Amino acid sequence: MTAEQAQNGDPGWVGDEKWQPIVHEAVKLRQIANEPAVRVLVGDHAVLVSGDEKHVVGVVFIKGHPVVKSVVRMVRQLLRSPNALPDGF
């Protein structure tokens, strides 16, 4: 989703709808904190919201799950500038 969509309450969403308001509030917290990324702990889960001026990505995962490092790395790669892509992409 774009940062503007997230701030205006019009984000793209995939997943369990019960997490949508929590992720949306984490997006607002990221903006208030003026940080590129925030992590919010909710019970046994963590919400990671990361982005730049143009795009914001939010992910909910189980704390301590082995896939967390890979997900965090993937989010960073999604937000990396496309100038590192080889020709043809």
PDB file of N, CA and C in Angstrom:
ATOM      1  N   MET A   1       0.844  -1.165   0.000  1.00  0.00           N
ATOM      2  CA  MET A   1       0.000   0.000   0.000  1.00  0.00           C
ATOM      3  C   MET A   1       0.887   1.225   0.000  1.00  0.00           C
ATOM      4  N   THR A   2       0.382   2.312  -0.480  1.00  0.00           N
ATOM      5  CA  THR A   2       1.153   3.541  -0.418  1.00  0.00           C
ATOM      6  C   THR A   2       0.975   4.175   0.943  1.00  0.00           C
ATOM      7  N   ALA A   3       1.896   5.046   1.323  1.00  0.00           N
ATOM      8  CA  ALA A   3       1.796   5.734   2.612  1.00  0.00           C
ATOM      9  C   ALA A   3       0.514   6.554   2.664  1.00  0.00           C
ATOM     10  N   GLU A   4       0.148   7.175   1.542  1.00  0.00           N
ATOM     11  CA  GLU A   4      -1.077   7.985   1.500  1.00  0.00           C
ATOM     12  C   GLU A   4      -2.316   7.123   1.716  1.00  0.00           C
ATOM     13  N   GLN A   5      -2.370   5.949   1.078  1.00  0.00           N
ATOM     14  CA  GLN A   5      -3.502   5.046   1.288  1.00  0.00           C
ATOM     15  C   GLN A   5      -3.610   4.634   2.748  1.00  0.00           C
ATOM     16  N   ALA A   6      -2.480   4.312   3.355  1.00  0.00           N
ATOM     17  CA  ALA A   6      -2.475   3.884   4.749  1.00  0.00           C
ATOM     18  C   ALA A   6      -2.979   4.990   5.653  1.00  0.00           C
ATOM     19  N   GLN A   7      -2.544   6.216   5.410  1.00  0.00           N
ATOM     20  CA  GLN A   7      -2.943   7.344   6.249  1.00  0.00           C
ATOM     21  C   GLN A   7      -4.411   7.695   6.042  1.00  0.00           C
ATOM     22  N   ASN A   8      -4.924   7.481   4.824  1.00  0.00           N
ATOM     23  CA  ASN A   8      -6.315   7.811   4.526  1.00  0.00           C
ATOM     24  C   ASN A   8      -7.271   6.666   4.833  1.00  0.00           C
ATOM     25  N   GLY A   9      -6.742   5.567   5.344  1.00  0.00           N
ATOM     26  CA  GLY A   9      -7.597   4.443   5.700  1.00  0.00           C
ATOM     27  C   GLY A   9      -8.049   3.627   4.503  1.00  0.00           C
ATOM     28  N   ASP A  10      -7.298   3.668   3.390  1.00  0.00           N
ATOM     29  CA  ASP A  10      -7.660   2.947   2.185  1.00  0.00           C
ATOM     30  C   ASP A  10      -6.548   1.977   1.778  1.00  0.00           C
ATOM     31  N   PRO A  11      -6.088   1.127   2.699  1.00  0.00           N
ATOM     32  CA  PRO A  11      -4.972   0.235   2.368  1.00  0.00           C
ATOM     33  C   PRO A  11      -5.426  -1.017   1.626  1.00  0.00           C
ATOM     34  N   GLY A  12      -4.489  -1.619   0.899  1.00  0.00           N
ATOM     35  CA  GLY A  12      -4.739  -2.947   0.369  1.00  0.00           C
ATOM     36  C   GLY A  12      -4.601  -3.923   1.531  1.00  0.00           C
ATOM     37  N   TRP A  13      -5.388  -4.979   1.536  1.00  0.00           N
ATOM     38  CA  TRP A  13      -5.339  -5.889   2.683  1.00  0.00           C
ATOM     39  C   TRP A  13      -5.473  -7.332   2.234  1.00  0.00           C
ATOM     40  N   VAL A  14      -4.628  -8.198   2.793  1.00  0.00           N
ATOM     41  CA  VAL A  14      -4.728  -9.634   2.586  1.00  0.00           C
ATOM     42  C   VAL A  14      -4.527 -10.277   3.947  1.00  0.00           C
ATOM     43  N   GLY A  15      -5.450 -11.142   4.345  1.00  0.00           N
ATOM     44  CA  GLY A  15      -5.283 -11.833   5.611  1.00  0.00           C
ATOM     45  C   GLY A  15      -6.487 -11.710   6.511  1.00  0.00           C
ATOM     46  N   ASP A  16      -6.299 -12.103   7.753  1.00  0.00           N
ATOM     47  CA  ASP A  16      -7.351 -12.113   8.760  1.00  0.00           C
ATOM     48  C   ASP A  16      -7.800 -10.686   9.048  1.00  0.00           C
ATOM     49  N   GLU A  17      -9.067 -10.412   8.821  1.00  0.00           N
ATOM     50  CA  GLU A  17      -9.617  -9.057   8.973  1.00  0.00           C
ATOM     51  C   GLU A  17      -9.508  -8.512  10.398  1.00  0.00           C
ATOM     52  N   LYS A  18      -9.442  -9.394  11.405  1.00  0.00           N
ATOM     53  CA  LYS A  18      -9.383  -8.902  12.786  1.00  0.00           C
ATOM     54  C   LYS A  18      -8.097  -8.136  13.061  1.00  0.00           C
ATOM     55  N   TRP A  19      -7.038  -8.356  12.260  1.00  0.00           N
ATOM     56  CA  TRP A  19      -5.776  -7.654  12.462  1.00  0.00           C
ATOM     57  C   TRP A  19      -5.727  -6.303  11.759  1.00  0.00           C
ATOM     58  N   GLN A  20      -6.641  -6.054  10.844  1.00  0.00           N
ATOM     59  CA  GLN A  20      -6.590  -4.829  10.060  1.00  0.00           C
ATOM     60  C   GLN A  20      -6.590  -3.558  10.915  1.00  0.00           C
ATOM     61  N   PRO A  21      -7.477  -3.396  11.897  1.00  0.00           N
ATOM     62  CA  PRO A  21      -7.443  -2.159  12.692  1.00  0.00           C
ATOM     63  C   PRO A  21      -6.158  -2.023  13.516  1.00  0.00           C
ATOM     64  N   ILE A  22      -5.596  -3.142  13.946  1.00  0.00           N
ATOM     65  CA  ILE A  22      -4.357  -3.092  14.729  1.00  0.00           C
ATOM     66  C   ILE A  22      -3.198  -2.661  13.839  1.00  0.00           C
ATOM     67  N   VAL A  23      -3.123  -3.219  12.638  1.00  0.00           N
ATOM     68  CA  VAL A  23      -2.068  -2.823  11.707  1.00  0.00           C
ATOM     69  C   VAL A  23      -2.235  -1.360  11.314  1.00  0.00           C
ATOM     70  N   HIS A  24      -3.469  -0.935  11.097  1.00  0.00           N
ATOM     71  CA  HIS A  24      -3.721   0.461  10.742  1.00  0.00           C
ATOM     72  C   HIS A  24      -3.242   1.410  11.844  1.00  0.00           C
ATOM     73  N   GLU A  25      -3.479   1.040  13.093  1.00  0.00           N
ATOM     74  CA  GLU A  25      -3.007   1.872  14.212  1.00  0.00           C
ATOM     75  C   GLU A  25      -1.480   1.862  14.293  1.00  0.00           C
ATOM     76  N   ALA A  26      -0.854   0.727  13.969  1.00  0.00           N
ATOM     77  CA  ALA A  26       0.613   0.664  13.954  1.00  0.00           C
ATOM     78  C   ALA A  26       1.177   1.574  12.855  1.00  0.00           C
ATOM     79  N   VAL A  27       0.466   1.667  11.733  1.00  0.00           N
ATOM     80  CA  VAL A  27       0.877   2.590  10.659  1.00  0.00           C
ATOM     81  C   VAL A  27       0.841   4.026  11.180  1.00  0.00           C
ATOM     82  N   LYS A  28      -0.215   4.366  11.912  1.00  0.00           N
ATOM     83  CA  LYS A  28      -0.316   5.714  12.494  1.00  0.00           C
ATOM     84  C   LYS A  28       0.815   5.957  13.494  1.00  0.00           C
ATOM     85  N   LEU A  29       1.119   4.945  14.305  1.00  0.00           N
ATOM     86  CA  LEU A  29       2.198   5.066  15.288  1.00  0.00           C
ATOM     87  C   LEU A  29       3.534   5.308  14.599  1.00  0.00           C
ATOM     88  N   ARG A  30       3.767   4.619  13.495  1.00  0.00           N
ATOM     89  CA  ARG A  30       5.001   4.812  12.721  1.00  0.00           C
ATOM     90  C   ARG A  30       5.122   6.259  12.265  1.00  0.00           C
ATOM     91  N   GLN A  31       4.000   6.819  11.817  1.00  0.00           N
ATOM     92  CA  GLN A  31       3.996   8.214  11.359  1.00  0.00           C
ATOM     93  C   GLN A  31       4.251   9.167  12.533  1.00  0.00           C
ATOM     94  N   ILE A  32       3.596   8.942  13.653  1.00  0.00           N
ATOM     95  CA  ILE A  32       3.779   9.802  14.833  1.00  0.00           C
ATOM     96  C   ILE A  32       5.211   9.727  15.340  1.00  0.00           C
ATOM     97  N   ALA A  33       5.774   8.518  15.365  1.00  0.00           N
ATOM     98  CA  ALA A  33       7.140   8.321  15.855  1.00  0.00           C
ATOM     99  C   ALA A  33       8.189   8.836  14.867  1.00  0.00           C
ATOM    100  N   ASN A  34       7.762   9.076  13.627  1.00  0.00           N
ATOM    101  CA  ASN A  34       8.670   9.547  12.580  1.00  0.00           C
ATOM    102  C   ASN A  34       9.866   8.599  12.419  1.00  0.00           C
ATOM    103  N   GLU A  35       9.545   7.310  12.404  1.00  0.00           N
ATOM    104  CA  GLU A  35      10.560   6.255  12.248  1.00  0.00           C
ATOM    105  C   GLU A  35      10.268   5.472  10.975  1.00  0.00           C
ATOM    106  N   PRO A  36      11.290   4.897  10.336  1.00  0.00           N
ATOM    107  CA  PRO A  36      11.036   4.101   9.133  1.00  0.00           C
ATOM    108  C   PRO A  36      10.315   2.784   9.430  1.00  0.00           C
ATOM    109  N   ALA A  37      10.428   2.284  10.664  1.00  0.00           N
ATOM    110  CA  ALA A  37       9.778   1.023  11.014  1.00  0.00           C
ATOM    111  C   ALA A  37       9.413   1.017  12.496  1.00  0.00           C
ATOM    112  N   VAL A  38       8.296   0.347  12.803  1.00  0.00           N
ATOM    113  CA  VAL A  38       7.904   0.114  14.199  1.00  0.00           C
ATOM    114  C   VAL A  38       7.472  -1.341  14.329  1.00  0.00           C
ATOM    115  N   ARG A  39       7.652  -1.879  15.524  1.00  0.00           N
ATOM    116  CA  ARG A  39       7.184  -3.220  15.839  1.00  0.00           C
ATOM    117  C   ARG A  39       6.325  -3.098  17.086  1.00  0.00           C
ATOM    118  N   VAL A  40       5.095  -3.605  16.997  1.00  0.00           N
ATOM    119  CA  VAL A  40       4.137  -3.538  18.094  1.00  0.00           C
ATOM    120  C   VAL A  40       3.851  -4.957  18.551  1.00  0.00           C
ATOM    121  N   LEU A  41       3.983  -5.216  19.842  1.00  0.00           N
ATOM    122  CA  LEU A  41       3.706  -6.542  20.393  1.00  0.00           C
ATOM    123  C   LEU A  41       2.265  -6.607  20.869  1.00  0.00           C
ATOM    124  N   VAL A  42       1.562  -7.669  20.452  1.00  0.00           N
ATOM    125  CA  VAL A  42       0.166  -7.878  20.814  1.00  0.00           C
ATOM    126  C   VAL A  42       0.024  -9.335  21.231  1.00  0.00           C
ATOM    127  N   GLY A  43       0.080  -9.588  22.523  1.00  0.00           N
ATOM    128  CA  GLY A  43      -0.005 -10.966  23.003  1.00  0.00           C
ATOM    129  C   GLY A  43       1.132 -11.805  22.462  1.00  0.00           C
ATOM    130  N   ASP A  44       0.795 -12.908  21.791  1.00  0.00           N
ATOM    131  CA  ASP A  44       1.792 -13.801  21.214  1.00  0.00           C
ATOM    132  C   ASP A  44       2.210 -13.389  19.801  1.00  0.00           C
ATOM    133  N   HIS A  45       1.756 -12.230  19.351  1.00  0.00           N
ATOM    134  CA  HIS A  45       2.028 -11.770  17.993  1.00  0.00           C
ATOM    135  C   HIS A  45       2.819 -10.467  18.003  1.00  0.00           C
ATOM    136  N   ALA A  46       3.450 -10.188  16.879  1.00  0.00           N
ATOM    137  CA  ALA A  46       4.118  -8.915  16.666  1.00  0.00           C
ATOM    138  C   ALA A  46       3.644  -8.359  15.331  1.00  0.00           C
ATOM    139  N   VAL A  47       3.487  -7.037  15.280  1.00  0.00           N
ATOM    140  CA  VAL A  47       3.113  -6.352  14.055  1.00  0.00           C
ATOM    141  C   VAL A  47       4.310  -5.511  13.647  1.00  0.00           C
ATOM    142  N   LEU A  48       4.815  -5.757  12.457  1.00  0.00           N
ATOM    143  CA  LEU A  48       5.918  -4.980  11.912  1.00  0.00           C
ATOM    144  C   LEU A  48       5.347  -4.084  10.822  1.00  0.00           C
ATOM    145  N   VAL A  49       5.589  -2.777  10.949  1.00  0.00           N
ATOM    146  CA  VAL A  49       5.196  -1.822   9.921  1.00  0.00           C
ATOM    147  C   VAL A  49       6.453  -1.081   9.516  1.00  0.00           C
ATOM    148  N   SER A  50       6.748  -1.122   8.229  1.00  0.00           N
ATOM    149  CA  SER A  50       7.954  -0.497   7.717  1.00  0.00           C
ATOM    150  C   SER A  50       7.618   0.202   6.414  1.00  0.00           C
ATOM    151  N   GLY A  51       8.374   1.252   6.087  1.00  0.00           N
ATOM    152  CA  GLY A  51       8.097   1.929   4.837  1.00  0.00           C
ATOM    153  C   GLY A  51       8.983   3.124   4.595  1.00  0.00           C
ATOM    154  N   ASP A  52       8.640   3.830   3.537  1.00  0.00           N
ATOM    155  CA  ASP A  52       9.321   5.062   3.173  1.00  0.00           C
ATOM    156  C   ASP A  52       8.254   6.109   2.874  1.00  0.00           C
ATOM    157  N   GLU A  53       8.617   7.152   2.138  1.00  0.00           N
ATOM    158  CA  GLU A  53       7.658   8.219   1.845  1.00  0.00           C
ATOM    159  C   GLU A  53       6.533   7.757   0.925  1.00  0.00           C
ATOM    160  N   LYS A  54       6.792   6.719   0.136  1.00  0.00           N
ATOM    161  CA  LYS A  54       5.825   6.294  -0.879  1.00  0.00           C
ATOM    162  C   LYS A  54       5.059   5.024  -0.530  1.00  0.00           C
ATOM    163  N   HIS A  55       5.674   4.092   0.211  1.00  0.00           N
ATOM    164  CA  HIS A  55       5.051   2.794   0.460  1.00  0.00           C
ATOM    165  C   HIS A  55       5.189   2.385   1.911  1.00  0.00           C
ATOM    166  N   VAL A  56       4.173   1.662   2.382  1.00  0.00           N
ATOM    167  CA  VAL A  56       4.172   1.124   3.746  1.00  0.00           C
ATOM    168  C   VAL A  56       3.762  -0.345   3.665  1.00  0.00           C
ATOM    169  N   VAL A  57       4.475  -1.200   4.402  1.00  0.00           N
ATOM    170  CA  VAL A  57       4.159  -2.621   4.460  1.00  0.00           C
ATOM    171  C   VAL A  57       3.944  -2.988   5.923  1.00  0.00           C
ATOM    172  N   GLY A  58       2.859  -3.698   6.199  1.00  0.00           N
ATOM    173  CA  GLY A  58       2.591  -4.178   7.545  1.00  0.00           C
ATOM    174  C   GLY A  58       2.446  -5.686   7.537  1.00  0.00           C
ATOM    175  N   VAL A  59       3.076  -6.350   8.514  1.00  0.00           N
ATOM    176  CA  VAL A  59       3.043  -7.809   8.596  1.00  0.00           C
ATOM    177  C   VAL A  59       2.770  -8.201  10.044  1.00  0.00           C
ATOM    178  N   VAL A  60       1.895  -9.183  10.234  1.00  0.00           N
ATOM    179  CA  VAL A  60       1.614  -9.740  11.563  1.00  0.00           C
ATOM    180  C   VAL A  60       2.214 -11.146  11.594  1.00  0.00           C
ATOM    181  N   PHE A  61       2.961 -11.427  12.658  1.00  0.00           N
ATOM    182  CA  PHE A  61       3.554 -12.754  12.779  1.00  0.00           C
ATOM    183  C   PHE A  61       3.591 -13.181  14.235  1.00  0.00           C
ATOM    184  N   ILE A  62       3.772 -14.475  14.465  1.00  0.00           N
ATOM    185  CA  ILE A  62       3.864 -15.024  15.810  1.00  0.00           C
ATOM    186  C   ILE A  62       5.276 -14.741  16.331  1.00  0.00           C
ATOM    187  N   LYS A  63       5.357 -14.175  17.527  1.00  0.00           N
ATOM    188  CA  LYS A  63       6.662 -13.865  18.110  1.00  0.00           C
ATOM    189  C   LYS A  63       7.502 -15.133  18.224  1.00  0.00           C
ATOM    190  N   GLY A  64       8.773 -15.006  17.870  1.00  0.00           N
ATOM    191  CA  GLY A  64       9.703 -16.111  18.007  1.00  0.00           C
ATOM    192  C   GLY A  64       9.608 -17.176  16.935  1.00  0.00           C
ATOM    193  N   HIS A  65       8.709 -17.014  15.976  1.00  0.00           N
ATOM    194  CA  HIS A  65       8.575 -18.003  14.905  1.00  0.00           C
ATOM    195  C   HIS A  65       9.835 -17.976  14.032  1.00  0.00           C
ATOM    196  N   PRO A  66      10.301 -19.138  13.581  1.00  0.00           N
ATOM    197  CA  PRO A  66      11.541 -19.191  12.792  1.00  0.00           C
ATOM    198  C   PRO A  66      11.507 -18.369  11.495  1.00  0.00           C
ATOM    199  N   VAL A  67      10.330 -18.072  10.978  1.00  0.00           N
ATOM    200  CA  VAL A  67      10.237 -17.358   9.705  1.00  0.00           C
ATOM    201  C   VAL A  67      10.391 -15.837   9.860  1.00  0.00           C
ATOM    202  N   VAL A  68      10.410 -15.344  11.094  1.00  0.00           N
ATOM    203  CA  VAL A  68      10.428 -13.902  11.325  1.00  0.00           C
ATOM    204  C   VAL A  68      11.621 -13.223  10.654  1.00  0.00           C
ATOM    205  N   LYS A  69      12.813 -13.748  10.811  1.00  0.00           N
ATOM    206  CA  LYS A  69      13.991 -13.122  10.200  1.00  0.00           C
ATOM    207  C   LYS A  69      13.839 -13.016   8.688  1.00  0.00           C
ATOM    208  N   SER A  70      13.318 -14.059   8.074  1.00  0.00           N
ATOM    209  CA  SER A  70      13.120 -14.034   6.628  1.00  0.00           C
ATOM    210  C   SER A  70      12.083 -12.990   6.223  1.00  0.00           C
ATOM    211  N   VAL A  71      11.008 -12.881   6.998  1.00  0.00           N
ATOM    212  CA  VAL A  71       9.962 -11.904   6.690  1.00  0.00           C
ATOM    213  C   VAL A  71      10.509 -10.486   6.809  1.00  0.00           C
ATOM    214  N   VAL A  72      11.246 -10.199   7.866  1.00  0.00           N
ATOM    215  CA  VAL A  72      11.822  -8.871   8.056  1.00  0.00           C
ATOM    216  C   VAL A  72      12.770  -8.556   6.897  1.00  0.00           C
ATOM    217  N   ARG A  73      13.579  -9.506   6.497  1.00  0.00           N
ATOM    218  CA  ARG A  73      14.497  -9.316   5.368  1.00  0.00           C
ATOM    219  C   ARG A  73      13.716  -9.060   4.076  1.00  0.00           C
ATOM    220  N   MET A  74      12.633  -9.806   3.872  1.00  0.00           N
ATOM    221  CA  MET A  74      11.822  -9.640   2.678  1.00  0.00           C
ATOM    222  C   MET A  74      11.191  -8.254   2.626  1.00  0.00           C
ATOM    223  N   VAL A  75      10.700  -7.760   3.770  1.00  0.00           N
ATOM    224  CA  VAL A  75      10.105  -6.419   3.822  1.00  0.00           C
ATOM    225  C   VAL A  75      11.152  -5.376   3.462  1.00  0.00           C
ATOM    226  N   ARG A  76      12.362  -5.510   3.994  1.00  0.00           N
ATOM    227  CA  ARG A  76      13.437  -4.571   3.650  1.00  0.00           C
ATOM    228  C   ARG A  76      13.709  -4.579   2.151  1.00  0.00           C
ATOM    229  N   GLN A  77      13.735  -5.775   1.568  1.00  0.00           N
ATOM    230  CA  GLN A  77      13.997  -5.889   0.134  1.00  0.00           C
ATOM    231  C   GLN A  77      12.873  -5.272  -0.697  1.00  0.00           C
ATOM    232  N   LEU A  78      11.635  -5.422  -0.236  1.00  0.00           N
ATOM    233  CA  LEU A  78      10.502  -4.811  -0.944  1.00  0.00           C
ATOM    234  C   LEU A  78      10.625  -3.295  -0.999  1.00  0.00           C
ATOM    235  N   LEU A  79      11.160  -2.721   0.071  1.00  0.00           N
ATOM    236  CA  LEU A  79      11.235  -1.267   0.162  1.00  0.00           C
ATOM    237  C   LEU A  79      12.521  -0.694  -0.424  1.00  0.00           C
ATOM    238  N   ARG A  80      13.454  -1.568  -0.785  1.00  0.00           N
ATOM    239  CA  ARG A  80      14.709  -1.116  -1.367  1.00  0.00           C
ATOM    240  C   ARG A  80      14.455  -0.517  -2.742  1.00  0.00           C
ATOM    241  N   SER A  81      15.242   0.476  -3.099  1.00  0.00           N
ATOM    242  CA  SER A  81      15.034   1.139  -4.388  1.00  0.00           C
ATOM    243  C   SER A  81      15.282   0.164  -5.534  1.00  0.00           C
ATOM    244  N   PRO A  82      14.521   0.297  -6.624  1.00  0.00           N
ATOM    245  CA  PRO A  82      14.634  -0.647  -7.739  1.00  0.00           C
ATOM    246  C   PRO A  82      15.863  -0.431  -8.616  1.00  0.00           C
ATOM    247  N   ASN A  83      16.719   0.543  -8.304  1.00  0.00           N
ATOM    248  CA  ASN A  83      17.883   0.794  -9.153  1.00  0.00           C
ATOM    249  C   ASN A  83      18.884  -0.355  -9.119  1.00  0.00           C
ATOM    250  N   ALA A  84      18.752  -1.276  -8.167  1.00  0.00           N
ATOM    251  CA  ALA A  84      19.671  -2.409  -8.081  1.00  0.00           C
ATOM    252  C   ALA A  84      19.232  -3.586  -8.949  1.00  0.00           C
ATOM    253  N   LEU A  85      18.076  -3.468  -9.631  1.00  0.00           N
ATOM    254  CA  LEU A  85      17.577  -4.557 -10.462  1.00  0.00           C
ATOM    255  C   LEU A  85      18.374  -4.656 -11.762  1.00  0.00           C
ATOM    256  N   PRO A  86      18.627  -5.880 -12.220  1.00  0.00           N
ATOM    257  CA  PRO A  86      19.326  -6.041 -13.492  1.00  0.00           C
ATOM    258  C   PRO A  86      18.432  -5.607 -14.654  1.00  0.00           C
ATOM    259  N   ASP A  87      19.038  -5.374 -15.812  1.00  0.00           N
ATOM    260  CA  ASP A  87      18.287  -5.001 -17.010  1.00  0.00           C
ATOM    261  C   ASP A  87      17.260  -6.086 -17.345  1.00  0.00           C
ATOM    262  N   GLY A  88      16.129  -5.654 -17.865  1.00  0.00           N
ATOM    263  CA  GLY A  88      15.091  -6.595 -18.260  1.00  0.00           C
ATOM    264  C   GLY A  88      13.977  -6.731 -17.243  1.00  0.00           C
ATOM    265  N   PHE A  89      14.122  -6.134 -16.078  1.00  0.00           N
ATOM    266  CA  PHE A  89      13.057  -6.222 -15.066  1.00  0.00           C
ATOM    267  C   PHE A  89      12.257  -4.961 -15.037  1.00  0.00           C
TER     268      PHE A  89
END
